[in-house]
Amino acid sequence: SKTKLNTPSFINTTIMEKVAAEIQGEHALKHVETTDKSAPVIDSSTHIKTVDRSGFLNEVQGDHSLKHAETNDKSAPVVEGVTIKTVDRKPFLEEVANAGKKA
């Protein structure tokens, strides 16, 4: 059967062939001049202050005597007068298993 020139499949095939040929062809890139403005703008009169922490570090690293501290640990839950009932699930599970066998 002959393909009609105005059918969508013929048009799409023709366009795709042209695009593929253009992609595979040689490309020349143009040179572009850019201005990098990504660096922060810092005024020339700005001065960064340095802090001498050597005295503090020496104090922290030195010997220390710790005092005893009394604590009241309240992290455990407070549960009074509660009893936990144990349930024997074996008869229930056997009943479920037997019902499954009957079905």
C-alpha atoms as a PDB file:
ATOM      1  CA  SER A   1       0.000   0.000   0.000  1.00  0.00           C
ATOM      2  CA  LYS A   2       1.199   3.506  -0.776  1.00  0.00           C
ATOM      3  CA  THR A   3       1.596   6.051   2.013  1.00  0.00           C
ATOM      4  CA  LYS A   4      -0.222   9.315   1.453  1.00  0.00           C
ATOM      5  CA  LEU A   5       1.957  12.414   1.853  1.00  0.00           C
ATOM      6  CA  ASN A   6      -0.462  14.192   4.167  1.00  0.00           C
ATOM      7  CA  THR A   7      -1.004  11.374   6.685  1.00  0.00           C
ATOM      8  CA  PRO A   8       0.172  12.018  10.257  1.00  0.00           C
ATOM      9  CA  SER A   9       2.564   9.035  10.241  1.00  0.00           C
ATOM     10  CA  PHE A  10       4.337  10.283   7.085  1.00  0.00           C
ATOM     11  CA  ILE A  11       4.587  13.851   8.429  1.00  0.00           C
ATOM     12  CA  ASN A  12       5.908  12.650  11.808  1.00  0.00           C
ATOM     13  CA  THR A  13       8.427  10.321  10.134  1.00  0.00           C
ATOM     14  CA  THR A  14       9.662  13.097   7.853  1.00  0.00           C
ATOM     15  CA  ILE A  15      10.000  15.570  10.711  1.00  0.00           C
ATOM     16  CA  MET A  16      11.803  13.012  12.879  1.00  0.00           C
ATOM     17  CA  GLU A  17      14.248  12.210  10.065  1.00  0.00           C
ATOM     18  CA  LYS A  18      15.017  15.927   9.624  1.00  0.00           C
ATOM     19  CA  VAL A  19      15.499  16.411  13.371  1.00  0.00           C
ATOM     20  CA  ALA A  20      17.765  13.342  13.601  1.00  0.00           C
ATOM     21  CA  ALA A  21      19.864  14.558  10.678  1.00  0.00           C
ATOM     22  CA  GLU A  22      20.186  18.019  12.245  1.00  0.00           C
ATOM     23  CA  ILE A  23      21.231  16.548  15.605  1.00  0.00           C
ATOM     24  CA  GLN A  24      23.913  14.387  13.996  1.00  0.00           C
ATOM     25  CA  GLY A  25      25.302  17.311  11.994  1.00  0.00           C
ATOM     26  CA  GLU A  26      28.194  19.528  13.079  1.00  0.00           C
ATOM     27  CA  HIS A  27      27.481  22.397  15.455  1.00  0.00           C
ATOM     28  CA  ALA A  28      29.556  25.486  16.107  1.00  0.00           C
ATOM     29  CA  LEU A  29      29.112  27.262  19.431  1.00  0.00           C
ATOM     30  CA  LYS A  30      29.348  31.020  19.692  1.00  0.00           C
ATOM     31  CA  HIS A  31      31.790  32.595  22.146  1.00  0.00           C
ATOM     32  CA  VAL A  32      30.083  34.369  25.033  1.00  0.00           C
ATOM     33  CA  GLU A  33      31.585  36.889  27.463  1.00  0.00           C
ATOM     34  CA  THR A  34      30.324  36.559  31.028  1.00  0.00           C
ATOM     35  CA  THR A  35      30.680  38.551  34.215  1.00  0.00           C
ATOM     36  CA  ASP A  36      30.897  36.443  37.361  1.00  0.00           C
ATOM     37  CA  LYS A  37      28.914  38.177  40.113  1.00  0.00           C
ATOM     38  CA  SER A  38      28.685  35.188  42.440  1.00  0.00           C
ATOM     39  CA  ALA A  39      31.309  36.425  44.926  1.00  0.00           C
ATOM     40  CA  PRO A  40      29.949  38.298  47.961  1.00  0.00           C
ATOM     41  CA  VAL A  41      30.346  42.063  47.933  1.00  0.00           C
ATOM     42  CA  ILE A  42      32.387  43.049  51.012  1.00  0.00           C
ATOM     43  CA  ASP A  43      33.113  46.694  51.693  1.00  0.00           C
ATOM     44  CA  SER A  44      36.849  47.468  51.821  1.00  0.00           C
ATOM     45  CA  SER A  45      36.435  49.178  55.220  1.00  0.00           C
ATOM     46  CA  THR A  46      35.101  45.962  56.787  1.00  0.00           C
ATOM     47  CA  HIS A  47      37.485  44.313  59.258  1.00  0.00           C
ATOM     48  CA  ILE A  48      37.101  40.865  60.736  1.00  0.00           C
ATOM     49  CA  LYS A  49      37.674  40.779  64.486  1.00  0.00           C
ATOM     50  CA  THR A  50      39.683  37.888  65.907  1.00  0.00           C
ATOM     51  CA  VAL A  51      38.958  36.535  69.373  1.00  0.00           C
ATOM     52  CA  ASP A  52      41.685  35.105  71.595  1.00  0.00           C
ATOM     53  CA  ARG A  53      40.146  31.981  73.115  1.00  0.00           C
ATOM     54  CA  SER A  54      43.374  30.477  74.490  1.00  0.00           C
ATOM     55  CA  GLY A  55      42.550  31.487  78.106  1.00  0.00           C
ATOM     56  CA  PHE A  56      39.088  29.918  77.860  1.00  0.00           C
ATOM     57  CA  LEU A  57      40.445  26.720  76.289  1.00  0.00           C
ATOM     58  CA  ASN A  58      43.128  26.396  78.981  1.00  0.00           C
ATOM     59  CA  GLU A  59      40.465  26.784  81.685  1.00  0.00           C
ATOM     60  CA  VAL A  60      38.243  24.146  80.104  1.00  0.00           C
ATOM     61  CA  GLN A  61      41.109  21.685  79.655  1.00  0.00           C
ATOM     62  CA  GLY A  62      42.394  22.144  83.212  1.00  0.00           C
ATOM     63  CA  ASP A  63      41.613  19.980  86.243  1.00  0.00           C
ATOM     64  CA  HIS A  64      38.169  20.318  87.786  1.00  0.00           C
ATOM     65  CA  SER A  65      36.692  18.901  90.950  1.00  0.00           C
ATOM     66  CA  LEU A  66      33.057  17.966  90.628  1.00  0.00           C
ATOM     67  CA  LYS A  67      30.586  18.205  93.498  1.00  0.00           C
ATOM     68  CA  HIS A  68      28.167  15.401  94.309  1.00  0.00           C
ATOM     69  CA  ALA A  69      24.650  16.051  93.066  1.00  0.00           C
ATOM     70  CA  GLU A  70      21.499  14.436  94.427  1.00  0.00           C
ATOM     71  CA  THR A  71      19.033  13.434  91.730  1.00  0.00           C
ATOM     72  CA  ASN A  72      15.443  12.274  91.701  1.00  0.00           C
ATOM     73  CA  ASP A  73      15.022  10.049  88.638  1.00  0.00           C
ATOM     74  CA  LYS A  74      11.431  10.314  87.430  1.00  0.00           C
ATOM     75  CA  SER A  75      11.969   8.661  84.056  1.00  0.00           C
ATOM     76  CA  ALA A  76      10.278   5.368  85.026  1.00  0.00           C
ATOM     77  CA  PRO A  77       6.485   5.246  84.594  1.00  0.00           C
ATOM     78  CA  VAL A  78       4.425   5.353  87.767  1.00  0.00           C
ATOM     79  CA  VAL A  79       1.994   2.417  87.674  1.00  0.00           C
ATOM     80  CA  GLU A  80       0.253   1.568  90.945  1.00  0.00           C
ATOM     81  CA  GLY A  81      -2.399  -1.053  91.622  1.00  0.00           C
ATOM     82  CA  VAL A  82      -2.418  -2.420  88.086  1.00  0.00           C
ATOM     83  CA  THR A  83      -2.394  -6.127  87.409  1.00  0.00           C
ATOM     84  CA  ILE A  84      -1.847  -7.614  84.006  1.00  0.00           C
ATOM     85  CA  LYS A  85      -4.053 -10.536  83.118  1.00  0.00           C
ATOM     86  CA  THR A  86      -2.486 -13.371  81.142  1.00  0.00           C
ATOM     87  CA  VAL A  87      -4.589 -14.857  78.378  1.00  0.00           C
ATOM     88  CA  ASP A  88      -4.219 -18.429  77.206  1.00  0.00           C
ATOM     89  CA  ARG A  89      -4.570 -18.044  73.430  1.00  0.00           C
ATOM     90  CA  LYS A  90      -3.941 -21.702  72.609  1.00  0.00           C
ATOM     91  CA  PRO A  91      -7.651 -22.763  72.597  1.00  0.00           C
ATOM     92  CA  PHE A  92      -8.542 -19.741  70.436  1.00  0.00           C
ATOM     93  CA  LEU A  93      -5.765 -20.463  67.934  1.00  0.00           C
ATOM     94  CA  GLU A  94      -6.776 -24.138  67.756  1.00  0.00           C
ATOM     95  CA  GLU A  95     -10.368 -23.071  67.066  1.00  0.00           C
ATOM     96  CA  VAL A  96      -9.230 -20.802  64.240  1.00  0.00           C
ATOM     97  CA  ALA A  97      -7.050 -23.566  62.772  1.00  0.00           C
ATOM     98  CA  ASN A  98      -9.911 -26.069  62.914  1.00  0.00           C
ATOM     99  CA  ALA A  99     -12.306 -23.628  61.281  1.00  0.00           C
ATOM    100  CA  GLY A 100      -9.803 -23.150  58.462  1.00  0.00           C
ATOM    101  CA  LYS A 101      -9.593 -26.896  57.879  1.00  0.00           C
ATOM    102  CA  LYS A 102     -13.414 -27.216  57.646  1.00  0.00           C
ATOM    103  CA  ALA A 103     -13.743 -24.481  55.030  1.00  0.00           C
END
